[in-house]
Amino acid sequence: MMEGTWVFYPQNIPHAIAALQSDTQVPVLTEKYLDGGQCRIYKVDFPDQESWAIRIPLHIRNAPCEAIIGLLQGEILILQELEVKGFRWAPRLQGSSLTFENSVGYPFIALSWVSGESLSWSLEQPARPIRDKILRQTASIMMSLIECTREEREPATQYFERIIDNKARRVRRGFLPEITVQDCITQKQLLSTILRPELEDAPYAIEHGDLSCRNIIVDSEYNITG
């Protein structure tokens, strides 16, 4: 399928989710949805009071289909690793459909629903004691993420060279029209001037690449729930 030719059917989400389960329970789709940077998030509720979040990358619809599916594949790998590592702040992966040829008309992943509301933060609100509470929790959670995913891997130069080589292959296939193969070659040549030698063999860890208010969920007492 070429990018841009898909038709999205949000009304089919409940039956698409039911198909992922052995008991084929059909959940109820909540009318309201949340919009993030790349995904639209729908909520479905099951008869047993369980709820799932359905992440659909609608906001990168102009990207090649391969890139859209690749984004979800990357998220799945990270979620699976976080579950294995026991990081309790991440939602649990419940299922996925990595194809445009489903009843929804778009690939998606299903996650456990995190109860609460997105953090509201401005120059005036919340008050200082609550701000300090949130900042302490955020710092603690980020440290926990680093500690539980820390591991030894390949040298930093080798890691970034591999990423750039993969990008160059996508450029040659026409998936990244905004850059050229020469851009990738230049990036590789600059690595030695950018990477710090003392960190060449530093351990790896997962970080949160998009830490913002909309991605921090809190309860009514400003305890971070996810």
C-alpha atoms as a PDB file:
ATOM      1  CA  MET A   1       0.000   0.000   0.000  1.00  0.00           C
ATOM      2  CA  MET A   2       1.295   3.486  -0.852  1.00  0.00           C
ATOM      3  CA  GLU A   3       1.331   6.106   1.882  1.00  0.00           C
ATOM      4  CA  GLY A   4      -1.692   8.398   1.923  1.00  0.00           C
ATOM      5  CA  THR A   5      -4.125   5.865   0.380  1.00  0.00           C
ATOM      6  CA  TRP A   6      -5.413   4.391   3.637  1.00  0.00           C
ATOM      7  CA  VAL A   7      -8.884   4.957   5.098  1.00  0.00           C
ATOM      8  CA  PHE A   8      -9.153   5.088   8.899  1.00  0.00           C
ATOM      9  CA  TYR A   9     -12.175   3.454  10.587  1.00  0.00           C
ATOM     10  CA  PRO A  10     -12.122   4.349  14.310  1.00  0.00           C
ATOM     11  CA  GLN A  11     -15.571   2.814  14.798  1.00  0.00           C
ATOM     12  CA  ASN A  12     -14.006  -0.603  14.127  1.00  0.00           C
ATOM     13  CA  ILE A  13     -11.519  -0.355  17.003  1.00  0.00           C
ATOM     14  CA  PRO A  14     -13.627  -2.444  19.462  1.00  0.00           C
ATOM     15  CA  HIS A  15     -13.879  -5.422  17.096  1.00  0.00           C
ATOM     16  CA  ALA A  16     -10.210  -5.129  16.133  1.00  0.00           C
ATOM     17  CA  ILE A  17      -9.307  -5.298  19.829  1.00  0.00           C
ATOM     18  CA  ALA A  18     -11.684  -8.202  20.443  1.00  0.00           C
ATOM     19  CA  ALA A  19      -9.834 -10.150  17.749  1.00  0.00           C
ATOM     20  CA  LEU A  20      -6.646  -9.911  19.833  1.00  0.00           C
ATOM     21  CA  GLN A  21      -8.191 -11.822  22.756  1.00  0.00           C
ATOM     22  CA  SER A  22      -8.945 -15.489  23.187  1.00  0.00           C
ATOM     23  CA  ASP A  23     -12.381 -14.775  24.710  1.00  0.00           C
ATOM     24  CA  THR A  24     -13.162 -12.194  21.969  1.00  0.00           C
ATOM     25  CA  GLN A  25     -14.798  -9.779  24.433  1.00  0.00           C
ATOM     26  CA  VAL A  26     -15.872  -6.674  22.547  1.00  0.00           C
ATOM     27  CA  PRO A  27     -14.973  -3.532  24.529  1.00  0.00           C
ATOM     28  CA  VAL A  28     -16.738  -0.184  24.439  1.00  0.00           C
ATOM     29  CA  LEU A  29     -14.942   2.657  22.680  1.00  0.00           C
ATOM     30  CA  THR A  30     -14.809   5.927  24.635  1.00  0.00           C
ATOM     31  CA  GLU A  31     -15.831   8.883  22.483  1.00  0.00           C
ATOM     32  CA  LYS A  32     -13.048  11.187  23.661  1.00  0.00           C
ATOM     33  CA  TYR A  33      -9.478  10.615  22.548  1.00  0.00           C
ATOM     34  CA  LEU A  34      -6.074  12.117  23.318  1.00  0.00           C
ATOM     35  CA  ASP A  35      -3.661  13.524  20.770  1.00  0.00           C
ATOM     36  CA  GLY A  36       0.077  13.233  21.302  1.00  0.00           C
ATOM     37  CA  GLY A  37       2.998  14.183  19.128  1.00  0.00           C
ATOM     38  CA  GLN A  38       2.795  11.126  16.866  1.00  0.00           C
ATOM     39  CA  CYS A  39      -0.212   9.125  18.010  1.00  0.00           C
ATOM     40  CA  ARG A  40      -3.893   9.485  18.714  1.00  0.00           C
ATOM     41  CA  ILE A  41      -4.868   7.510  21.792  1.00  0.00           C
ATOM     42  CA  TYR A  42      -8.291   5.916  22.162  1.00  0.00           C
ATOM     43  CA  LYS A  43      -9.638   4.263  25.302  1.00  0.00           C
ATOM     44  CA  VAL A  44     -11.658   1.051  25.303  1.00  0.00           C
ATOM     45  CA  ASP A  45     -13.449  -0.374  28.350  1.00  0.00           C
ATOM     46  CA  PHE A  46     -14.146  -4.072  28.899  1.00  0.00           C
ATOM     47  CA  PRO A  47     -17.108  -5.526  30.839  1.00  0.00           C
ATOM     48  CA  ASP A  48     -14.755  -6.590  33.666  1.00  0.00           C
ATOM     49  CA  GLN A  49     -13.770  -2.926  34.259  1.00  0.00           C
ATOM     50  CA  GLU A  50     -10.381  -3.320  32.595  1.00  0.00           C
ATOM     51  CA  SER A  51      -9.385  -0.553  30.170  1.00  0.00           C
ATOM     52  CA  TRP A  52      -6.837  -0.370  27.365  1.00  0.00           C
ATOM     53  CA  ALA A  53      -5.177   2.503  25.541  1.00  0.00           C
ATOM     54  CA  ILE A  54      -5.045   2.115  21.760  1.00  0.00           C
ATOM     55  CA  ARG A  55      -2.145   4.021  20.206  1.00  0.00           C
ATOM     56  CA  ILE A  56      -2.566   4.828  16.508  1.00  0.00           C
ATOM     57  CA  PRO A  57       0.195   6.908  14.817  1.00  0.00           C
ATOM     58  CA  LEU A  58      -2.172   9.122  12.832  1.00  0.00           C
ATOM     59  CA  HIS A  59      -0.035  12.240  13.118  1.00  0.00           C
ATOM     60  CA  ILE A  60       2.753  10.871  10.921  1.00  0.00           C
ATOM     61  CA  ARG A  61       0.353   9.834   8.158  1.00  0.00           C
ATOM     62  CA  ASN A  62       2.552  11.413   5.487  1.00  0.00           C
ATOM     63  CA  ALA A  63       5.442   9.106   6.356  1.00  0.00           C
ATOM     64  CA  PRO A  64       6.025   5.910   4.352  1.00  0.00           C
ATOM     65  CA  CYS A  65       3.996   2.925   5.565  1.00  0.00           C
ATOM     66  CA  GLU A  66       7.220   1.105   6.403  1.00  0.00           C
ATOM     67  CA  ALA A  67       8.302   3.967   8.670  1.00  0.00           C
ATOM     68  CA  ILE A  68       4.951   4.056  10.472  1.00  0.00           C
ATOM     69  CA  ILE A  69       5.044   0.331  11.170  1.00  0.00           C
ATOM     70  CA  GLY A  70       8.705   0.625  12.162  1.00  0.00           C
ATOM     71  CA  LEU A  71       7.800   3.254  14.757  1.00  0.00           C
ATOM     72  CA  LEU A  72       5.347   0.882  16.430  1.00  0.00           C
ATOM     73  CA  GLN A  73       7.796  -2.008  16.234  1.00  0.00           C
ATOM     74  CA  GLY A  74      10.338   0.128  18.067  1.00  0.00           C
ATOM     75  CA  GLU A  75       7.802   0.991  20.772  1.00  0.00           C
ATOM     76  CA  ILE A  76       6.918  -2.674  21.188  1.00  0.00           C
ATOM     77  CA  LEU A  77      10.559  -3.673  21.672  1.00  0.00           C
ATOM     78  CA  ILE A  78      11.037  -1.009  24.338  1.00  0.00           C
ATOM     79  CA  LEU A  79       7.817  -1.919  26.169  1.00  0.00           C
ATOM     80  CA  GLN A  80       8.765  -5.588  26.168  1.00  0.00           C
ATOM     81  CA  GLU A  81      12.198  -4.785  27.557  1.00  0.00           C
ATOM     82  CA  LEU A  82      10.747  -2.558  30.276  1.00  0.00           C
ATOM     83  CA  GLU A  83       8.363  -5.318  31.320  1.00  0.00           C
ATOM     84  CA  VAL A  84      11.198  -7.855  31.500  1.00  0.00           C
ATOM     85  CA  LYS A  85      13.275  -5.387  33.532  1.00  0.00           C
ATOM     86  CA  GLY A  86      10.383  -4.807  35.933  1.00  0.00           C
ATOM     87  CA  PHE A  87       9.951  -1.074  35.311  1.00  0.00           C
ATOM     88  CA  ARG A  88       6.508  -0.561  36.847  1.00  0.00           C
ATOM     89  CA  TRP A  89       5.838   2.923  35.510  1.00  0.00           C
ATOM     90  CA  ALA A  90       5.449   1.853  31.895  1.00  0.00           C
ATOM     91  CA  PRO A  91       2.103   0.595  30.551  1.00  0.00           C
ATOM     92  CA  ARG A  92       1.934  -3.099  29.682  1.00  0.00           C
ATOM     93  CA  LEU A  93       1.710  -4.205  26.083  1.00  0.00           C
ATOM     94  CA  GLN A  94      -1.584  -6.039  25.499  1.00  0.00           C
ATOM     95  CA  GLY A  95      -1.402  -6.654  21.765  1.00  0.00           C
ATOM     96  CA  SER A  96      -0.816  -5.092  18.369  1.00  0.00           C
ATOM     97  CA  SER A  97      -1.750  -5.118  14.705  1.00  0.00           C
ATOM     98  CA  LEU A  98       1.190  -3.987  12.585  1.00  0.00           C
ATOM     99  CA  THR A  99      -0.580  -3.707   9.267  1.00  0.00           C
ATOM    100  CA  PHE A 100      -2.805  -1.334   7.325  1.00  0.00           C
ATOM    101  CA  GLU A 101      -4.840  -4.353   6.217  1.00  0.00           C
ATOM    102  CA  ASN A 102      -6.945  -4.614   9.376  1.00  0.00           C
ATOM    103  CA  SER A 103     -10.501  -3.521  10.133  1.00  0.00           C
ATOM    104  CA  VAL A 104      -9.275  -0.194  11.519  1.00  0.00           C
ATOM    105  CA  GLY A 105      -7.323   0.573   8.362  1.00  0.00           C
ATOM    106  CA  TYR A 106      -4.229   1.539  10.325  1.00  0.00           C
ATOM    107  CA  PRO A 107      -1.593  -0.225  12.459  1.00  0.00           C
ATOM    108  CA  PHE A 108      -1.923   0.124  16.232  1.00  0.00           C
ATOM    109  CA  ILE A 109      -0.697  -1.131  19.581  1.00  0.00           C
ATOM    110  CA  ALA A 110      -2.860  -1.808  22.637  1.00  0.00           C
ATOM    111  CA  LEU A 111      -1.568  -0.964  26.119  1.00  0.00           C
ATOM    112  CA  SER A 112      -2.893  -1.137  29.649  1.00  0.00           C
ATOM    113  CA  TRP A 113      -4.689   2.092  30.549  1.00  0.00           C
ATOM    114  CA  VAL A 114      -2.932   4.357  33.073  1.00  0.00           C
ATOM    115  CA  SER A 115      -5.500   6.018  35.343  1.00  0.00           C
ATOM    116  CA  GLY A 116      -5.257   9.734  36.044  1.00  0.00           C
ATOM    117  CA  GLU A 117      -4.960  12.967  34.114  1.00  0.00           C
ATOM    118  CA  SER A 118      -2.167  14.597  32.149  1.00  0.00           C
ATOM    119  CA  LEU A 119      -0.147  16.946  34.330  1.00  0.00           C
ATOM    120  CA  SER A 120      -1.173  20.607  34.128  1.00  0.00           C
ATOM    121  CA  TRP A 121       1.877  22.861  34.559  1.00  0.00           C
ATOM    122  CA  SER A 122       2.290  26.606  34.011  1.00  0.00           C
ATOM    123  CA  LEU A 123       4.305  29.497  35.439  1.00  0.00           C
ATOM    124  CA  GLU A 124       1.750  29.875  38.245  1.00  0.00           C
ATOM    125  CA  GLN A 125       0.372  26.376  38.797  1.00  0.00           C
ATOM    126  CA  PRO A 126       0.712  24.065  40.618  1.00  0.00           C
ATOM    127  CA  ALA A 127       1.936  25.687  43.842  1.00  0.00           C
ATOM    128  CA  ARG A 128       5.571  25.307  44.905  1.00  0.00           C
ATOM    129  CA  PRO A 129       5.101  22.388  47.370  1.00  0.00           C
ATOM    130  CA  ILE A 130       3.270  20.388  44.706  1.00  0.00           C
ATOM    131  CA  ARG A 131       5.824  21.334  42.042  1.00  0.00           C
ATOM    132  CA  ASP A 132       8.602  20.052  44.283  1.00  0.00           C
ATOM    133  CA  LYS A 133       6.677  16.831  44.886  1.00  0.00           C
ATOM    134  CA  ILE A 134       6.241  16.234  41.160  1.00  0.00           C
ATOM    135  CA  LEU A 135       9.875  17.048  40.372  1.00  0.00           C
ATOM    136  CA  ARG A 136      11.117  14.654  43.073  1.00  0.00           C
ATOM    137  CA  GLN A 137       8.931  11.870  41.719  1.00  0.00           C
ATOM    138  CA  THR A 138       9.990  12.543  38.134  1.00  0.00           C
ATOM    139  CA  ALA A 139      13.686  12.477  39.031  1.00  0.00           C
ATOM    140  CA  SER A 140      13.240   9.254  40.998  1.00  0.00           C
ATOM    141  CA  ILE A 141      11.366   7.549  38.151  1.00  0.00           C
ATOM    142  CA  MET A 142      13.966   8.618  35.571  1.00  0.00           C
ATOM    143  CA  MET A 143      16.773   7.278  37.783  1.00  0.00           C
ATOM    144  CA  SER A 144      14.864   4.014  38.173  1.00  0.00           C
ATOM    145  CA  LEU A 145      14.503   3.781  34.383  1.00  0.00           C
ATOM    146  CA  ILE A 146      18.244   4.247  33.876  1.00  0.00           C
ATOM    147  CA  GLU A 147      19.210   1.817  36.618  1.00  0.00           C
ATOM    148  CA  CYS A 148      16.912  -1.012  35.547  1.00  0.00           C
ATOM    149  CA  THR A 149      17.812  -0.802  31.837  1.00  0.00           C
ATOM    150  CA  ARG A 150      21.548  -0.176  32.218  1.00  0.00           C
ATOM    151  CA  GLU A 151      23.682  -2.704  30.325  1.00  0.00           C
ATOM    152  CA  GLU A 152      26.970  -3.122  28.483  1.00  0.00           C
ATOM    153  CA  ARG A 153      26.806  -3.093  24.683  1.00  0.00           C
ATOM    154  CA  GLU A 154      28.913  -2.209  21.668  1.00  0.00           C
ATOM    155  CA  PRO A 155      31.237   0.853  21.679  1.00  0.00           C
ATOM    156  CA  ALA A 156      29.508   4.187  21.091  1.00  0.00           C
ATOM    157  CA  THR A 157      31.179   4.819  17.729  1.00  0.00           C
ATOM    158  CA  GLN A 158      30.084   1.440  16.407  1.00  0.00           C
ATOM    159  CA  TYR A 159      26.538   2.026  17.655  1.00  0.00           C
ATOM    160  CA  PHE A 160      26.134   5.413  15.945  1.00  0.00           C
ATOM    161  CA  GLU A 161      27.808   4.216  12.748  1.00  0.00           C
ATOM    162  CA  ARG A 162      25.244   1.423  12.562  1.00  0.00           C
ATOM    163  CA  ILE A 163      22.382   3.889  13.032  1.00  0.00           C
ATOM    164  CA  ILE A 164      23.744   6.167  10.300  1.00  0.00           C
ATOM    165  CA  ASP A 165      24.277   3.230   7.917  1.00  0.00           C
ATOM    166  CA  ASN A 166      20.675   2.128   8.462  1.00  0.00           C
ATOM    167  CA  LYS A 167      19.504   5.676   7.768  1.00  0.00           C
ATOM    168  CA  ALA A 168      21.562   5.793   4.559  1.00  0.00           C
ATOM    169  CA  ARG A 169      19.886   2.594   3.354  1.00  0.00           C
ATOM    170  CA  ARG A 170      16.472   4.166   3.921  1.00  0.00           C
ATOM    171  CA  VAL A 171      17.584   7.279   2.022  1.00  0.00           C
ATOM    172  CA  ARG A 172      18.612   5.146  -0.970  1.00  0.00           C
ATOM    173  CA  ARG A 173      15.193   3.500  -0.938  1.00  0.00           C
ATOM    174  CA  GLY A 174      13.471   6.891  -1.013  1.00  0.00           C
ATOM    175  CA  PHE A 175      12.042   6.777   2.518  1.00  0.00           C
ATOM    176  CA  LEU A 176      13.810   9.921   3.793  1.00  0.00           C
ATOM    177  CA  PRO A 177      13.542  12.503   0.997  1.00  0.00           C
ATOM    178  CA  GLU A 178      14.523  15.360   3.306  1.00  0.00           C
ATOM    179  CA  ILE A 179      18.156  14.166   3.568  1.00  0.00           C
ATOM    180  CA  THR A 180      20.789  12.773   1.191  1.00  0.00           C
ATOM    181  CA  VAL A 181      23.315   9.956   1.305  1.00  0.00           C
ATOM    182  CA  GLN A 182      26.020  12.623   1.478  1.00  0.00           C
ATOM    183  CA  ASP A 183      24.392  13.945   4.668  1.00  0.00           C
ATOM    184  CA  CYS A 184      24.817  10.489   6.195  1.00  0.00           C
ATOM    185  CA  ILE A 185      28.444  10.283   5.090  1.00  0.00           C
ATOM    186  CA  THR A 186      29.102  13.689   6.650  1.00  0.00           C
ATOM    187  CA  GLN A 187      27.485  12.555   9.899  1.00  0.00           C
ATOM    188  CA  LYS A 188      29.807   9.559  10.094  1.00  0.00           C
ATOM    189  CA  GLN A 189      32.826  11.758   9.461  1.00  0.00           C
ATOM    190  CA  LEU A 190      31.807  14.067  12.320  1.00  0.00           C
ATOM    191  CA  LEU A 191      31.385  11.309  14.903  1.00  0.00           C
ATOM    192  CA  SER A 192      35.005  11.460  16.039  1.00  0.00           C
ATOM    193  CA  THR A 193      34.651  15.174  16.806  1.00  0.00           C
ATOM    194  CA  ILE A 194      31.346  14.803  18.659  1.00  0.00           C
ATOM    195  CA  LEU A 195      31.664  11.634  20.739  1.00  0.00           C
ATOM    196  CA  ARG A 196      33.686  11.971  23.920  1.00  0.00           C
ATOM    197  CA  PRO A 197      36.477   9.341  24.111  1.00  0.00           C
ATOM    198  CA  GLU A 198      35.897   8.716  27.828  1.00  0.00           C
ATOM    199  CA  LEU A 199      32.315   7.636  27.057  1.00  0.00           C
ATOM    200  CA  GLU A 200      33.201   5.276  24.196  1.00  0.00           C
ATOM    201  CA  ASP A 201      32.543   2.210  26.364  1.00  0.00           C
ATOM    202  CA  ALA A 202      29.955   3.712  28.708  1.00  0.00           C
ATOM    203  CA  PRO A 203      26.919   1.534  29.529  1.00  0.00           C
ATOM    204  CA  TYR A 204      23.639   1.949  27.669  1.00  0.00           C
ATOM    205  CA  ALA A 205      20.260   2.757  29.215  1.00  0.00           C
ATOM    206  CA  ILE A 206      16.764   3.614  28.007  1.00  0.00           C
ATOM    207  CA  GLU A 207      15.730   7.244  28.409  1.00  0.00           C
ATOM    208  CA  HIS A 208      12.385   8.973  27.995  1.00  0.00           C
ATOM    209  CA  GLY A 209      12.751  10.837  24.730  1.00  0.00           C
ATOM    210  CA  ASP A 210       9.635  12.996  25.079  1.00  0.00           C
ATOM    211  CA  LEU A 211       9.245  14.003  28.720  1.00  0.00           C
ATOM    212  CA  SER A 212       6.489  16.612  28.778  1.00  0.00           C
ATOM    213  CA  CYS A 213       3.394  17.458  30.810  1.00  0.00           C
ATOM    214  CA  ARG A 214       1.071  15.594  28.462  1.00  0.00           C
ATOM    215  CA  ASN A 215       3.142  12.433  28.985  1.00  0.00           C
ATOM    216  CA  ILE A 216       3.079  12.581  32.791  1.00  0.00           C
ATOM    217  CA  ILE A 217      -0.100  11.132  34.323  1.00  0.00           C
ATOM    218  CA  VAL A 218      -1.013  12.101  37.888  1.00  0.00           C
ATOM    219  CA  ASP A 219      -3.841  11.299  40.297  1.00  0.00           C
ATOM    220  CA  SER A 220      -5.889  13.843  42.254  1.00  0.00           C
ATOM    221  CA  GLU A 221      -3.094  14.198  44.837  1.00  0.00           C
ATOM    222  CA  TYR A 222      -0.374  14.688  42.219  1.00  0.00           C
ATOM    223  CA  ASN A 223       1.104  11.246  42.593  1.00  0.00           C
ATOM    224  CA  ILE A 224       2.582  10.164  39.263  1.00  0.00           C
ATOM    225  CA  THR A 225       0.797   7.044  38.021  1.00  0.00           C
ATOM    226  CA  GLY A 226       2.536   6.663  34.676  1.00  0.00           C
END
